[in-house]
Structures are given as structure tokens and as C-alpha cells.
Protein backbone atom coordinates (compact mmCIF):
# COMPACT_ATOMS: atom_id res chain seq x y z
CA MET A 1 -5.86 175.67 43.99
CA GLY A 2 -3.04 174.78 46.43
CA ILE A 3 -3.07 178.23 48.11
CA LEU A 4 -6.81 177.98 48.66
CA TRP A 5 -6.45 174.59 50.40
CA MET A 6 -3.58 175.99 52.53
CA ILE A 7 -5.86 178.85 53.66
CA ILE A 8 -8.77 176.49 54.41
CA ILE A 9 -6.58 174.07 56.37
CA GLY A 10 -4.92 177.01 58.11
CA ALA A 11 -8.29 178.40 59.13
CA VAL A 12 -9.49 175.07 60.50
CA ALA A 13 -6.21 174.40 62.32
CA GLY A 14 -6.06 177.94 63.74
CA PHE A 15 -9.65 177.66 64.93
CA LEU A 16 -8.98 174.26 66.58
CA ALA A 17 -5.77 175.50 68.20
CA GLY A 18 -7.67 178.51 69.53
CA GLN A 19 -10.19 176.12 71.08
CA VAL A 20 -7.41 174.10 72.70
CA PHE A 21 -5.67 177.26 73.97
CA ARG A 22 -8.53 179.25 75.38
CA GLY A 23 -8.05 182.99 75.27
CA TYR A 24 -5.55 182.94 72.42
CA GLY A 25 -7.91 183.42 69.47
CA PHE A 26 -6.72 186.11 67.04
CA GLY A 27 -9.84 186.49 64.91
CA PHE A 28 -10.31 184.91 61.55
CA VAL A 29 -7.26 186.34 59.80
CA GLY A 30 -5.03 185.80 62.83
CA ASN A 31 -6.26 182.19 63.21
CA VAL A 32 -5.55 181.54 59.53
CA ALA A 33 -2.01 182.97 59.94
CA VAL A 34 -1.46 180.87 63.13
CA GLY A 35 -2.84 177.82 61.30
CA ILE A 36 -0.59 178.29 58.26
CA VAL A 37 2.50 178.77 60.40
CA GLY A 38 1.34 175.81 62.52
CA ALA A 39 1.05 173.75 59.33
CA LEU A 40 4.68 174.61 58.51
CA ILE A 41 5.75 173.66 62.09
CA GLY A 42 3.68 170.47 62.07
CA GLY A 43 4.95 169.46 58.66
CA PHE A 44 8.55 170.01 59.74
CA LEU A 45 8.17 168.15 63.03
CA PHE A 46 5.96 165.26 61.91
CA GLY A 47 6.40 164.91 58.18
CA ASN A 48 4.59 161.74 57.30
CA VAL A 49 4.31 160.36 60.82
CA PHE A 50 0.52 160.26 60.97
CA LEU A 51 -1.03 157.14 59.60
CA VAL A 52 -4.11 159.06 58.57
CA GLY A 53 -3.09 160.77 55.37
CA GLY A 54 -4.69 163.32 53.15
CA LEU A 55 -6.77 166.18 54.46
CA VAL A 56 -7.33 164.74 57.98
CA GLY A 57 -3.58 164.16 58.46
CA GLN A 58 -2.84 167.66 57.28
CA ILE A 59 -5.35 169.20 59.66
CA ILE A 60 -4.01 167.17 62.56
CA SER A 61 -0.39 168.10 61.97
CA ALA A 62 -1.30 171.76 61.32
CA THR A 63 -3.35 171.86 64.51
CA VAL A 64 -0.59 170.35 66.60
CA GLY A 65 1.86 172.82 65.07
CA ALA A 66 -0.50 175.71 65.74
CA VAL A 67 -0.94 174.62 69.40
CA ILE A 68 2.89 174.54 69.74
CA LEU A 69 3.06 178.04 68.23
CA LEU A 70 0.39 179.33 70.59
CA PHE A 71 2.24 177.77 73.54
CA VAL A 72 5.45 179.56 72.58
CA ILE A 73 3.50 182.82 72.08
CA SER A 74 2.04 182.41 75.60
CA LEU A 75 5.52 181.91 77.03
CA VAL A 76 6.89 185.01 75.32
CA ALA A 77 3.86 187.09 76.33
CA ARG A 78 4.48 186.49 80.05
């Protein structure tokens, strides 16, 4: 069940990051991948910093991590 939640959170985080970074959507599978990698980045950077725990905290940290990832991708793509 953990992998399913990771995919769902990754999809939501990837979608939200794609909305923040207009023009950097990668389709459903790409957004899930960006969201999962973003969740890893967000978890590494923030750990348990967010006071809102559970699902909402995971989505927030994954989205922030995904936005950071998209920012780095945009710098490399230049």
C-alpha cells in the first residue's frame, strides 16, 4: 500500500509543481516521476519541519521539492 500512496502523492505534487512552473508539465507519468523525486528532495530538505503532518504535510514537502527540481531542470535546459 505504501507504493500506491507514493504514486498518488507524487502525482498530486507533480501536478501542483507543473501549475506553479507553467510550461514544464511532462504529462501524467512525467509529473508522477517529478513528484516522486520532488518528495525525496522535499523529505531530505525539510524532514519534519512542517507543522501540518500526515498527508497534507507530505504533499506540501513533495510539491516544494518538485518545484525545486523543475527550477533546476529549467536552469539546465537553458
